[in-house]
Amino acid sequence: MAEYHWCHGPECHTYATQDRVRGSKGFKVLRTKKVKQHTDREWYERDQPFNYFCSQGCLFNFIRTHIQRIVALDPRTEPLETRIEDPVREKHTSNYSFGEHSYYTTTINKIDRDSNMG
């Protein structure tokens, strides 16, 4: 049996799309969409946002509505840092019939994830 969650978007039930129309003649409503849970699939991950929201629009409406409470769950009072090696900058040059083109790339390598600070 398929599992569903109702979309958590605060305005989901207001979007005038055909798949939200429910009810009998004379008693029609726009209803929040169901979001199918693919729990029987190998790729299913319980904590993914699209298990709870039918679209990116609904997800971001929820975030905009509740951002202060979301941030209050785990406030950040200091920056996080990841240790890296000194960045290496390399110049690359290509010759074309119309002239030379140069560009730079920078390689940044992280140092041992377990020693991250923060």
PDB file of N, CA and C in Angstrom:
ATOM      1  N   MET A   1       0.839  -1.182   0.000  1.00  0.00           N
ATOM      2  CA  MET A   1       0.000   0.000   0.000  1.00  0.00           C
ATOM      3  C   MET A   1       0.885   1.248   0.000  1.00  0.00           C
ATOM      4  N   ALA A   2       0.552   2.205  -0.822  1.00  0.00           N
ATOM      5  CA  ALA A   2       1.339   3.428  -0.934  1.00  0.00           C
ATOM      6  C   ALA A   2       1.098   4.335   0.273  1.00  0.00           C
ATOM      7  N   GLU A   3       2.182   4.946   0.705  1.00  0.00           N
ATOM      8  CA  GLU A   3       2.108   5.926   1.790  1.00  0.00           C
ATOM      9  C   GLU A   3       2.137   7.320   1.185  1.00  0.00           C
ATOM     10  N   TYR A   4       1.471   8.257   1.852  1.00  0.00           N
ATOM     11  CA  TYR A   4       1.444   9.636   1.390  1.00  0.00           C
ATOM     12  C   TYR A   4       1.602  10.575   2.577  1.00  0.00           C
ATOM     13  N   HIS A   5       2.117  11.759   2.304  1.00  0.00           N
ATOM     14  CA  HIS A   5       2.062  12.895   3.231  1.00  0.00           C
ATOM     15  C   HIS A   5       1.311  13.986   2.486  1.00  0.00           C
ATOM     16  N   TRP A   6       0.624  14.833   3.211  1.00  0.00           N
ATOM     17  CA  TRP A   6       0.045  16.013   2.597  1.00  0.00           C
ATOM     18  C   TRP A   6       1.157  17.030   2.445  1.00  0.00           C
ATOM     19  N   CYS A   7       1.147  17.771   1.348  1.00  0.00           N
ATOM     20  CA  CYS A   7       2.144  18.818   1.128  1.00  0.00           C
ATOM     21  C   CYS A   7       2.080  19.816   2.280  1.00  0.00           C
ATOM     22  N   HIS A   8       3.231  20.212   2.796  1.00  0.00           N
ATOM     23  CA  HIS A   8       3.302  21.142   3.921  1.00  0.00           C
ATOM     24  C   HIS A   8       3.354  22.609   3.481  1.00  0.00           C
ATOM     25  N   GLY A   9       3.270  22.867   2.190  1.00  0.00           N
ATOM     26  CA  GLY A   9       3.284  24.242   1.693  1.00  0.00           C
ATOM     27  C   GLY A   9       2.077  25.000   2.213  1.00  0.00           C
ATOM     28  N   PRO A  10       2.285  26.152   2.861  1.00  0.00           N
ATOM     29  CA  PRO A  10       1.162  26.875   3.467  1.00  0.00           C
ATOM     30  C   PRO A  10       0.149  27.405   2.459  1.00  0.00           C
ATOM     31  N   GLU A  11       0.523  27.510   1.191  1.00  0.00           N
ATOM     32  CA  GLU A  11      -0.400  28.017   0.174  1.00  0.00           C
ATOM     33  C   GLU A  11      -0.738  26.965  -0.882  1.00  0.00           C
ATOM     34  N   CYS A  12      -0.345  25.727  -0.668  1.00  0.00           N
ATOM     35  CA  CYS A  12      -0.559  24.672  -1.658  1.00  0.00           C
ATOM     36  C   CYS A  12      -2.031  24.576  -2.078  1.00  0.00           C
ATOM     37  N   HIS A  13      -2.923  24.709  -1.127  1.00  0.00           N
ATOM     38  CA  HIS A  13      -4.366  24.576  -1.401  1.00  0.00           C
ATOM     39  C   HIS A  13      -4.959  25.776  -2.129  1.00  0.00           C
ATOM     40  N   THR A  14      -4.139  26.808  -2.404  1.00  0.00           N
ATOM     41  CA  THR A  14      -4.667  27.991  -3.083  1.00  0.00           C
ATOM     42  C   THR A  14      -4.292  28.036  -4.558  1.00  0.00           C
ATOM     43  N   TYR A  15      -3.395  27.168  -4.996  1.00  0.00           N
ATOM     44  CA  TYR A  15      -2.957  27.187  -6.394  1.00  0.00           C
ATOM     45  C   TYR A  15      -4.018  26.552  -7.282  1.00  0.00           C
ATOM     46  N   ALA A  16      -4.473  27.286  -8.274  1.00  0.00           N
ATOM     47  CA  ALA A  16      -5.557  26.839  -9.143  1.00  0.00           C
ATOM     48  C   ALA A  16      -5.014  25.948 -10.252  1.00  0.00           C
ATOM     49  N   THR A  17      -4.796  24.681  -9.916  1.00  0.00           N
ATOM     50  CA  THR A  17      -4.379  23.692 -10.910  1.00  0.00           C
ATOM     51  C   THR A  17      -5.405  22.565 -10.918  1.00  0.00           C
ATOM     52  N   GLN A  18      -5.537  21.921 -12.049  1.00  0.00           N
ATOM     53  CA  GLN A  18      -6.562  20.901 -12.235  1.00  0.00           C
ATOM     54  C   GLN A  18      -6.409  19.720 -11.273  1.00  0.00           C
ATOM     55  N   ASP A  19      -5.153  19.380 -10.933  1.00  0.00           N
ATOM     56  CA  ASP A  19      -4.941  18.223 -10.052  1.00  0.00           C
ATOM     57  C   ASP A  19      -5.283  18.522  -8.590  1.00  0.00           C
ATOM     58  N   ARG A  20      -5.612  19.767  -8.260  1.00  0.00           N
ATOM     59  CA  ARG A  20      -6.008  20.112  -6.892  1.00  0.00           C
ATOM     60  C   ARG A  20      -7.533  20.210  -6.737  1.00  0.00           C
ATOM     61  N   VAL A  21      -8.271  20.175  -7.832  1.00  0.00           N
ATOM     62  CA  VAL A  21      -9.730  20.320  -7.782  1.00  0.00           C
ATOM     63  C   VAL A  21     -10.345  19.024  -7.261  1.00  0.00           C
ATOM     64  N   ARG A  22     -11.165  19.158  -6.235  1.00  0.00           N
ATOM     65  CA  ARG A  22     -11.842  18.004  -5.642  1.00  0.00           C
ATOM     66  C   ARG A  22     -13.280  18.383  -5.330  1.00  0.00           C
ATOM     67  N   GLY A  23     -14.127  17.381  -5.123  1.00  0.00           N
ATOM     68  CA  GLY A  23     -15.515  17.610  -4.715  1.00  0.00           C
ATOM     69  C   GLY A  23     -16.505  17.344  -5.819  1.00  0.00           C
ATOM     70  N   SER A  24     -17.789  17.323  -5.422  1.00  0.00           N
ATOM     71  CA  SER A  24     -18.855  17.080  -6.389  1.00  0.00           C
ATOM     72  C   SER A  24     -19.372  18.407  -6.934  1.00  0.00           C
ATOM     73  N   LYS A  25     -20.144  18.329  -7.977  1.00  0.00           N
ATOM     74  CA  LYS A  25     -20.646  19.519  -8.667  1.00  0.00           C
ATOM     75  C   LYS A  25     -21.346  20.455  -7.672  1.00  0.00           C
ATOM     76  N   GLY A  26     -20.932  21.711  -7.707  1.00  0.00           N
ATOM     77  CA  GLY A  26     -21.504  22.701  -6.801  1.00  0.00           C
ATOM     78  C   GLY A  26     -20.769  22.804  -5.469  1.00  0.00           C
ATOM     79  N   PHE A  27     -19.886  21.863  -5.185  1.00  0.00           N
ATOM     80  CA  PHE A  27     -19.149  21.853  -3.914  1.00  0.00           C
ATOM     81  C   PHE A  27     -17.660  21.610  -4.162  1.00  0.00           C
ATOM     82  N   LYS A  28     -17.125  22.271  -5.164  1.00  0.00           N
ATOM     83  CA  LYS A  28     -15.724  22.087  -5.546  1.00  0.00           C
ATOM     84  C   LYS A  28     -14.786  22.848  -4.601  1.00  0.00           C
ATOM     85  N   VAL A  29     -13.617  22.284  -4.374  1.00  0.00           N
ATOM     86  CA  VAL A  29     -12.580  22.931  -3.564  1.00  0.00           C
ATOM     87  C   VAL A  29     -11.222  22.688  -4.214  1.00  0.00           C
ATOM     88  N   LEU A  30     -10.272  23.541  -3.870  1.00  0.00           N
ATOM     89  CA  LEU A  30      -8.867  23.286  -4.205  1.00  0.00           C
ATOM     90  C   LEU A  30      -8.249  22.652  -2.968  1.00  0.00           C
ATOM     91  N   ARG A  31      -7.648  21.494  -3.132  1.00  0.00           N
ATOM     92  CA  ARG A  31      -7.129  20.743  -1.992  1.00  0.00           C
ATOM     93  C   ARG A  31      -5.606  20.633  -2.074  1.00  0.00           C
ATOM     94  N   THR A  32      -4.964  20.657  -0.918  1.00  0.00           N
ATOM     95  CA  THR A  32      -3.532  20.420  -0.812  1.00  0.00           C
ATOM     96  C   THR A  32      -3.198  19.091  -1.488  1.00  0.00           C
ATOM     97  N   LYS A  33      -2.064  19.053  -2.187  1.00  0.00           N
ATOM     98  CA  LYS A  33      -1.681  17.833  -2.898  1.00  0.00           C
ATOM     99  C   LYS A  33      -1.081  16.791  -1.957  1.00  0.00           C
ATOM    100  N   LYS A  34      -1.249  15.527  -2.325  1.00  0.00           N
ATOM    101  CA  LYS A  34      -0.594  14.432  -1.620  1.00  0.00           C
ATOM    102  C   LYS A  34       0.800  14.235  -2.215  1.00  0.00           C
ATOM    103  N   VAL A  35       1.741  13.873  -1.356  1.00  0.00           N
ATOM    104  CA  VAL A  35       3.096  13.594  -1.804  1.00  0.00           C
ATOM    105  C   VAL A  35       3.376  12.124  -1.516  1.00  0.00           C
ATOM    106  N   LYS A  36       3.550  11.345  -2.571  1.00  0.00           N
ATOM    107  CA  LYS A  36       3.755   9.911  -2.417  1.00  0.00           C
ATOM    108  C   LYS A  36       5.115   9.618  -1.785  1.00  0.00           C
ATOM    109  N   GLN A  37       5.125   8.670  -0.862  1.00  0.00           N
ATOM    110  CA  GLN A  37       6.353   8.221  -0.215  1.00  0.00           C
ATOM    111  C   GLN A  37       6.779   6.905  -0.870  1.00  0.00           C
ATOM    112  N   HIS A  38       7.921   6.919  -1.504  1.00  0.00           N
ATOM    113  CA  HIS A  38       8.408   5.732  -2.214  1.00  0.00           C
ATOM    114  C   HIS A  38       9.268   4.877  -1.276  1.00  0.00           C
ATOM    115  N   THR A  39       8.696   4.465  -0.161  1.00  0.00           N
ATOM    116  CA  THR A  39       9.448   3.747   0.867  1.00  0.00           C
ATOM    117  C   THR A  39       9.941   2.385   0.399  1.00  0.00           C
ATOM    118  N   ASP A  40       9.355   1.851  -0.642  1.00  0.00           N
ATOM    119  CA  ASP A  40       9.762   0.548  -1.151  1.00  0.00           C
ATOM    120  C   ASP A  40      10.919   0.646  -2.150  1.00  0.00           C
ATOM    121  N   ARG A  41      11.387   1.847  -2.427  1.00  0.00           N
ATOM    122  CA  ARG A  41      12.458   2.048  -3.400  1.00  0.00           C
ATOM    123  C   ARG A  41      13.810   2.137  -2.701  1.00  0.00           C
ATOM    124  N   GLU A  42      14.821   1.630  -3.356  1.00  0.00           N
ATOM    125  CA  GLU A  42      16.178   1.634  -2.807  1.00  0.00           C
ATOM    126  C   GLU A  42      16.698   3.053  -2.593  1.00  0.00           C
ATOM    127  N   TRP A  43      16.313   3.981  -3.454  1.00  0.00           N
ATOM    128  CA  TRP A  43      16.820   5.349  -3.391  1.00  0.00           C
ATOM    129  C   TRP A  43      16.078   6.238  -2.407  1.00  0.00           C
ATOM    130  N   TYR A  44      15.020   5.739  -1.780  1.00  0.00           N
ATOM    131  CA  TYR A  44      14.209   6.542  -0.858  1.00  0.00           C
ATOM    132  C   TYR A  44      15.023   6.945   0.370  1.00  0.00           C
ATOM    133  N   GLU A  45      14.999   8.230   0.682  1.00  0.00           N
ATOM    134  CA  GLU A  45      15.622   8.747   1.896  1.00  0.00           C
ATOM    135  C   GLU A  45      14.572   9.527   2.657  1.00  0.00           C
ATOM    136  N   ARG A  46      14.298   9.134   3.878  1.00  0.00           N
ATOM    137  CA  ARG A  46      13.207   9.675   4.684  1.00  0.00           C
ATOM    138  C   ARG A  46      13.295  11.178   4.910  1.00  0.00           C
ATOM    139  N   ASP A  47      14.488  11.714   5.049  1.00  0.00           N
ATOM    140  CA  ASP A  47      14.649  13.112   5.443  1.00  0.00           C
ATOM    141  C   ASP A  47      14.807  14.084   4.277  1.00  0.00           C
ATOM    142  N   GLN A  48      14.412  13.706   3.093  1.00  0.00           N
ATOM    143  CA  GLN A  48      14.502  14.608   1.944  1.00  0.00           C
ATOM    144  C   GLN A  48      13.282  15.525   1.902  1.00  0.00           C
ATOM    145  N   PRO A  49      13.476  16.815   1.575  1.00  0.00           N
ATOM    146  CA  PRO A  49      12.357  17.765   1.610  1.00  0.00           C
ATOM    147  C   PRO A  49      11.209  17.414   0.668  1.00  0.00           C
ATOM    148  N   PHE A  50      11.488  16.782  -0.461  1.00  0.00           N
ATOM    149  CA  PHE A  50      10.405  16.514  -1.401  1.00  0.00           C
ATOM    150  C   PHE A  50       9.592  15.282  -1.020  1.00  0.00           C
ATOM    151  N   ASN A  51       9.812  14.757   0.169  1.00  0.00           N
ATOM    152  CA  ASN A  51       8.885  13.785   0.745  1.00  0.00           C
ATOM    153  C   ASN A  51       7.752  14.514   1.462  1.00  0.00           C
ATOM    154  N   TYR A  52       7.890  15.823   1.638  1.00  0.00           N
ATOM    155  CA  TYR A  52       6.928  16.612   2.395  1.00  0.00           C
ATOM    156  C   TYR A  52       6.351  17.789   1.613  1.00  0.00           C
ATOM    157  N   PHE A  53       6.893  18.073   0.440  1.00  0.00           N
ATOM    158  CA  PHE A  53       6.444  19.199  -0.367  1.00  0.00           C
ATOM    159  C   PHE A  53       6.238  18.730  -1.801  1.00  0.00           C
ATOM    160  N   CYS A  54       5.177  19.227  -2.447  1.00  0.00           N
ATOM    161  CA  CYS A  54       4.872  18.789  -3.802  1.00  0.00           C
ATOM    162  C   CYS A  54       5.695  19.528  -4.851  1.00  0.00           C
ATOM    163  N   SER A  55       6.312  20.652  -4.466  1.00  0.00           N
ATOM    164  CA  SER A  55       7.081  21.430  -5.434  1.00  0.00           C
ATOM    165  C   SER A  55       8.082  22.318  -4.696  1.00  0.00           C
ATOM    166  N   GLN A  56       9.002  22.869  -5.465  1.00  0.00           N
ATOM    167  CA  GLN A  56       9.959  23.812  -4.908  1.00  0.00           C
ATOM    168  C   GLN A  56       9.239  25.070  -4.410  1.00  0.00           C
ATOM    169  N   GLY A  57       8.212  25.486  -5.107  1.00  0.00           N
ATOM    170  CA  GLY A  57       7.441  26.654  -4.684  1.00  0.00           C
ATOM    171  C   GLY A  57       6.843  26.458  -3.304  1.00  0.00           C
ATOM    172  N   CYS A  58       6.241  25.292  -3.065  1.00  0.00           N
ATOM    173  CA  CYS A  58       5.660  25.007  -1.748  1.00  0.00           C
ATOM    174  C   CYS A  58       6.746  24.929  -0.677  1.00  0.00           C
ATOM    175  N   LEU A  59       7.885  24.325  -1.011  1.00  0.00           N
ATOM    176  CA  LEU A  59       8.995  24.243  -0.064  1.00  0.00           C
ATOM    177  C   LEU A  59       9.444  25.642   0.352  1.00  0.00           C
ATOM    178  N   PHE A  60       9.673  26.532  -0.612  1.00  0.00           N
ATOM    179  CA  PHE A  60      10.174  27.863  -0.281  1.00  0.00           C
ATOM    180  C   PHE A  60       9.104  28.741   0.377  1.00  0.00           C
ATOM    181  N   ASN A  61       7.830  28.537   0.072  1.00  0.00           N
ATOM    182  CA  ASN A  61       6.783  29.245   0.807  1.00  0.00           C
ATOM    183  C   ASN A  61       6.798  28.846   2.275  1.00  0.00           C
ATOM    184  N   PHE A  62       6.999  27.558   2.545  1.00  0.00           N
ATOM    185  CA  PHE A  62       7.098  27.068   3.919  1.00  0.00           C
ATOM    186  C   PHE A  62       8.299  27.695   4.617  1.00  0.00           C
ATOM    187  N   ILE A  63       9.448  27.716   3.925  1.00  0.00           N
ATOM    188  CA  ILE A  63      10.658  28.294   4.511  1.00  0.00           C
ATOM    189  C   ILE A  63      10.455  29.778   4.810  1.00  0.00           C
ATOM    190  N   ARG A  64       9.894  30.520   3.852  1.00  0.00           N
ATOM    191  CA  ARG A  64       9.652  31.956   4.078  1.00  0.00           C
ATOM    192  C   ARG A  64       8.706  32.189   5.259  1.00  0.00           C
ATOM    193  N   THR A  65       7.696  31.345   5.390  1.00  0.00           N
ATOM    194  CA  THR A  65       6.723  31.493   6.465  1.00  0.00           C
ATOM    195  C   THR A  65       7.332  31.176   7.832  1.00  0.00           C
ATOM    196  N   HIS A  66       8.237  30.196   7.879  1.00  0.00           N
ATOM    197  CA  HIS A  66       8.727  29.682   9.160  1.00  0.00           C
ATOM    198  C   HIS A  66      10.222  29.881   9.395  1.00  0.00           C
ATOM    199  N   ILE A  67      10.870  30.760   8.635  1.00  0.00           N
ATOM    200  CA  ILE A  67      12.333  30.872   8.701  1.00  0.00           C
ATOM    201  C   ILE A  67      12.852  31.186  10.104  1.00  0.00           C
ATOM    202  N   GLN A  68      12.193  32.057  10.842  1.00  0.00           N
ATOM    203  CA  GLN A  68      12.677  32.398  12.188  1.00  0.00           C
ATOM    204  C   GLN A  68      12.643  31.186  13.113  1.00  0.00           C
ATOM    205  N   ARG A  69      11.604  30.387  13.016  1.00  0.00           N
ATOM    206  CA  ARG A  69      11.520  29.189  13.869  1.00  0.00           C
ATOM    207  C   ARG A  69      12.500  28.119  13.406  1.00  0.00           C
ATOM    208  N   ILE A  70      12.745  28.033  12.103  1.00  0.00           N
ATOM    209  CA  ILE A  70      13.711  27.055  11.593  1.00  0.00           C
ATOM    210  C   ILE A  70      15.107  27.397  12.098  1.00  0.00           C
ATOM    211  N   VAL A  71      15.501  28.657  11.980  1.00  0.00           N
ATOM    212  CA  VAL A  71      16.827  29.082  12.432  1.00  0.00           C
ATOM    213  C   VAL A  71      16.957  28.922  13.944  1.00  0.00           C
ATOM    214  N   ALA A  72      15.873  29.132  14.686  1.00  0.00           N
ATOM    215  CA  ALA A  72      15.908  28.999  16.139  1.00  0.00           C
ATOM    216  C   ALA A  72      16.183  27.559  16.587  1.00  0.00           C
ATOM    217  N   LEU A  73      15.933  26.579  15.719  1.00  0.00           N
ATOM    218  CA  LEU A  73      16.217  25.185  16.071  1.00  0.00           C
ATOM    219  C   LEU A  73      17.710  24.939  16.285  1.00  0.00           C
ATOM    220  N   ASP A  74      18.530  25.622  15.508  1.00  0.00           N
ATOM    221  CA  ASP A  74      19.979  25.430  15.603  1.00  0.00           C
ATOM    222  C   ASP A  74      20.667  26.735  15.223  1.00  0.00           C
ATOM    223  N   PRO A  75      20.601  27.742  16.111  1.00  0.00           N
ATOM    224  CA  PRO A  75      21.171  29.047  15.758  1.00  0.00           C
ATOM    225  C   PRO A  75      22.682  28.967  15.555  1.00  0.00           C
ATOM    226  N   ARG A  76      23.171  29.729  14.606  1.00  0.00           N
ATOM    227  CA  ARG A  76      24.601  29.761  14.317  1.00  0.00           C
ATOM    228  C   ARG A  76      25.150  31.063  14.865  1.00  0.00           C
ATOM    229  N   THR A  77      25.994  30.971  15.892  1.00  0.00           N
ATOM    230  CA  THR A  77      26.569  32.168  16.508  1.00  0.00           C
ATOM    231  C   THR A  77      28.031  32.354  16.127  1.00  0.00           C
ATOM    232  N   GLU A  78      28.619  31.328  15.518  1.00  0.00           N
ATOM    233  CA  GLU A  78      30.006  31.398  15.058  1.00  0.00           C
ATOM    234  C   GLU A  78      30.086  30.731  13.693  1.00  0.00           C
ATOM    235  N   PRO A  79      31.066  31.173  12.871  1.00  0.00           N
ATOM    236  CA  PRO A  79      31.207  30.526  11.566  1.00  0.00           C
ATOM    237  C   PRO A  79      31.818  29.132  11.710  1.00  0.00           C
ATOM    238  N   LEU A  80      31.502  28.272  10.762  1.00  0.00           N
ATOM    239  CA  LEU A  80      32.148  26.963  10.682  1.00  0.00           C
ATOM    240  C   LEU A  80      33.362  27.103   9.774  1.00  0.00           C
ATOM    241  N   GLU A  81      34.354  26.261   9.979  1.00  0.00           N
ATOM    242  CA  GLU A  81      35.554  26.309   9.152  1.00  0.00           C
ATOM    243  C   GLU A  81      35.976  24.902   8.759  1.00  0.00           C
ATOM    244  N   THR A  82      36.531  24.780   7.573  1.00  0.00           N
ATOM    245  CA  THR A  82      37.099  23.533   7.084  1.00  0.00           C
ATOM    246  C   THR A  82      38.553  23.805   6.735  1.00  0.00           C
ATOM    247  N   ARG A  83      39.455  23.020   7.288  1.00  0.00           N
ATOM    248  CA  ARG A  83      40.872  23.216   7.012  1.00  0.00           C
ATOM    249  C   ARG A  83      41.188  22.806   5.574  1.00  0.00           C
ATOM    250  N   ILE A  84      42.030  23.623   4.920  1.00  0.00           N
ATOM    251  CA  ILE A  84      42.445  23.346   3.538  1.00  0.00           C
ATOM    252  C   ILE A  84      43.946  23.528   3.403  1.00  0.00           C
ATOM    253  N   GLU A  85      44.497  22.915   2.359  1.00  0.00           N
ATOM    254  CA  GLU A  85      45.884  23.172   1.990  1.00  0.00           C
ATOM    255  C   GLU A  85      45.926  24.531   1.305  1.00  0.00           C
ATOM    256  N   ASP A  86      47.125  25.112   1.178  1.00  0.00           N
ATOM    257  CA  ASP A  86      47.239  26.371   0.457  1.00  0.00           C
ATOM    258  C   ASP A  86      46.714  26.171  -0.963  1.00  0.00           C
ATOM    259  N   PRO A  87      45.814  27.034  -1.422  1.00  0.00           N
ATOM    260  CA  PRO A  87      45.261  26.890  -2.775  1.00  0.00           C
ATOM    261  C   PRO A  87      46.354  27.014  -3.849  1.00  0.00           C
ATOM    262  N   VAL A  88      46.219  26.228  -4.917  1.00  0.00           N
ATOM    263  CA  VAL A  88      47.174  26.246  -6.023  1.00  0.00           C
ATOM    264  C   VAL A  88      46.483  26.889  -7.224  1.00  0.00           C
ATOM    265  N   ARG A  89      47.074  27.987  -7.720  1.00  0.00           N
ATOM    266  CA  ARG A  89      46.513  28.704  -8.864  1.00  0.00           C
ATOM    267  C   ARG A  89      47.348  28.382 -10.094  1.00  0.00           C
ATOM    268  N   GLU A  90      46.670  27.915 -11.157  1.00  0.00           N
ATOM    269  CA  GLU A  90      47.379  27.549 -12.389  1.00  0.00           C
ATOM    270  C   GLU A  90      46.869  28.389 -13.549  1.00  0.00           C
ATOM    271  N   LYS A  91      47.819  28.808 -14.392  1.00  0.00           N
ATOM    272  CA  LYS A  91      47.456  29.555 -15.597  1.00  0.00           C
ATOM    273  C   LYS A  91      47.399  28.580 -16.767  1.00  0.00           C
ATOM    274  N   HIS A  92      46.347  28.693 -17.559  1.00  0.00           N
ATOM    275  CA  HIS A  92      46.174  27.869 -18.751  1.00  0.00           C
ATOM    276  C   HIS A  92      46.099  28.812 -19.950  1.00  0.00           C
ATOM    277  N   THR A  93      46.781  28.431 -21.017  1.00  0.00           N
ATOM    278  CA  THR A  93      46.792  29.268 -22.217  1.00  0.00           C
ATOM    279  C   THR A  93      46.443  28.417 -23.426  1.00  0.00           C
ATOM    280  N   SER A  94      45.565  28.966 -24.264  1.00  0.00           N
ATOM    281  CA  SER A  94      45.190  28.302 -25.518  1.00  0.00           C
ATOM    282  C   SER A  94      45.447  29.278 -26.656  1.00  0.00           C
ATOM    283  N   ASN A  95      45.987  28.758 -27.748  1.00  0.00           N
ATOM    284  CA  ASN A  95      46.232  29.586 -28.924  1.00  0.00           C
ATOM    285  C   ASN A  95      45.157  29.314 -29.966  1.00  0.00           C
ATOM    286  N   TYR A  96      44.562  30.378 -30.455  1.00  0.00           N
ATOM    287  CA  TYR A  96      43.535  30.289 -31.483  1.00  0.00           C
ATOM    288  C   TYR A  96      43.973  31.118 -32.678  1.00  0.00           C
ATOM    289  N   SER A  97      43.304  30.946 -33.806  1.00  0.00           N
ATOM    290  CA  SER A  97      43.645  31.709 -35.007  1.00  0.00           C
ATOM    291  C   SER A  97      43.457  33.216 -34.785  1.00  0.00           C
ATOM    292  N   PHE A  98      42.569  33.572 -33.862  1.00  0.00           N
ATOM    293  CA  PHE A  98      42.315  34.988 -33.590  1.00  0.00           C
ATOM    294  C   PHE A  98      43.148  35.516 -32.425  1.00  0.00           C
ATOM    295  N   GLY A  99      43.992  34.671 -31.840  1.00  0.00           N
ATOM    296  CA  GLY A  99      44.854  35.131 -30.749  1.00  0.00           C
ATOM    297  C   GLY A  99      44.939  34.136 -29.613  1.00  0.00           C
ATOM    298  N   GLU A 100      45.516  34.596 -28.542  1.00  0.00           N
ATOM    299  CA  GLU A 100      45.749  33.745 -27.380  1.00  0.00           C
ATOM    300  C   GLU A 100      44.669  34.003 -26.324  1.00  0.00           C
ATOM    301  N   HIS A 101      44.273  32.940 -25.641  1.00  0.00           N
ATOM    302  CA  HIS A 101      43.296  33.061 -24.567  1.00  0.00           C
ATOM    303  C   HIS A 101      43.885  32.431 -23.314  1.00  0.00           C
ATOM    304  N   SER A 102      43.884  33.176 -22.231  1.00  0.00           N
ATOM    305  CA  SER A 102      44.402  32.664 -20.961  1.00  0.00           C
ATOM    306  C   SER A 102      43.303  32.664 -19.911  1.00  0.00           C
ATOM    307  N   TYR A 103      43.364  31.663 -19.040  1.00  0.00           N
ATOM    308  CA  TYR A 103      42.454  31.627 -17.898  1.00  0.00           C
ATOM    309  C   TYR A 103      43.157  30.921 -16.754  1.00  0.00           C
ATOM    310  N   TYR A 104      42.633  31.103 -15.572  1.00  0.00           N
ATOM    311  CA  TYR A 104      43.229  30.520 -14.374  1.00  0.00           C
ATOM    312  C   TYR A 104      42.256  29.561 -13.720  1.00  0.00           C
ATOM    313  N   THR A 105      42.793  28.528 -13.104  1.00  0.00           N
ATOM    314  CA  THR A 105      41.998  27.648 -12.257  1.00  0.00           C
ATOM    315  C   THR A 105      42.671  27.603 -10.896  1.00  0.00           C
ATOM    316  N   THR A 106      41.881  27.435  -9.876  1.00  0.00           N
ATOM    317  CA  THR A 106      42.411  27.321  -8.518  1.00  0.00           C
ATOM    318  C   THR A 106      41.969  25.986  -7.951  1.00  0.00           C
ATOM    319  N   THR A 107      42.906  25.219  -7.446  1.00  0.00           N
ATOM    320  CA  THR A 107      42.616  23.933  -6.833  1.00  0.00           C
ATOM    321  C   THR A 107      42.642  24.097  -5.322  1.00  0.00           C
ATOM    322  N   ILE A 108      41.549  23.715  -4.677  1.00  0.00           N
ATOM    323  CA  ILE A 108      41.456  23.800  -3.222  1.00  0.00           C
ATOM    324  C   ILE A 108      41.233  22.388  -2.695  1.00  0.00           C
ATOM    325  N   ASN A 109      42.138  21.918  -1.875  1.00  0.00           N
ATOM    326  CA  ASN A 109      42.044  20.582  -1.290  1.00  0.00           C
ATOM    327  C   ASN A 109      41.780  20.673   0.202  1.00  0.00           C
ATOM    328  N   LYS A 110      40.754  19.961   0.648  1.00  0.00           N
ATOM    329  CA  LYS A 110      40.422  19.923   2.075  1.00  0.00           C
ATOM    330  C   LYS A 110      41.400  19.020   2.802  1.00  0.00           C
ATOM    331  N   ILE A 111      41.607  19.303   4.070  1.00  0.00           N
ATOM    332  CA  ILE A 111      42.469  18.477   4.921  1.00  0.00           C
ATOM    333  C   ILE A 111      41.584  17.675   5.852  1.00  0.00           C
ATOM    334  N   ASP A 112      41.708  16.391   5.862  1.00  0.00           N
ATOM    335  CA  ASP A 112      41.122  15.477   6.836  1.00  0.00           C
ATOM    336  C   ASP A 112      39.820  15.986   7.459  1.00  0.00           C
ATOM    337  N   ARG A 113      38.710  15.492   6.973  1.00  0.00           N
ATOM    338  CA  ARG A 113      37.384  15.926   7.441  1.00  0.00           C
ATOM    339  C   ARG A 113      37.212  15.841   8.953  1.00  0.00           C
ATOM    340  N   ASP A 114      37.833  14.862   9.602  1.00  0.00           N
ATOM    341  CA  ASP A 114      37.644  14.668  11.037  1.00  0.00           C
ATOM    342  C   ASP A 114      38.252  15.783  11.872  1.00  0.00           C
ATOM    343  N   SER A 115      39.155  16.565  11.266  1.00  0.00           N
ATOM    344  CA  SER A 115      39.775  17.651  12.036  1.00  0.00           C
ATOM    345  C   SER A 115      39.127  18.997  11.763  1.00  0.00           C
ATOM    346  N   ASN A 116      37.938  19.012  11.106  1.00  0.00           N
ATOM    347  CA  ASN A 116      37.216  20.272  10.871  1.00  0.00           C
ATOM    348  C   ASN A 116      36.891  20.947  12.187  1.00  0.00           C
ATOM    349  N   MET A 117      36.951  22.250  12.173  1.00  0.00           N
ATOM    350  CA  MET A 117      36.667  23.013  13.387  1.00  0.00           C
ATOM    351  C   MET A 117      35.252  23.561  13.305  1.00  0.00           C
ATOM    352  N   GLY A 118      34.603  23.713  14.452  1.00  0.00           N
ATOM    353  CA  GLY A 118      33.311  24.382  14.460  1.00  0.00           C
ATOM    354  C   GLY A 118      32.163  23.548  14.850  1.00  0.00           C
TER     355      GLY A 118
END
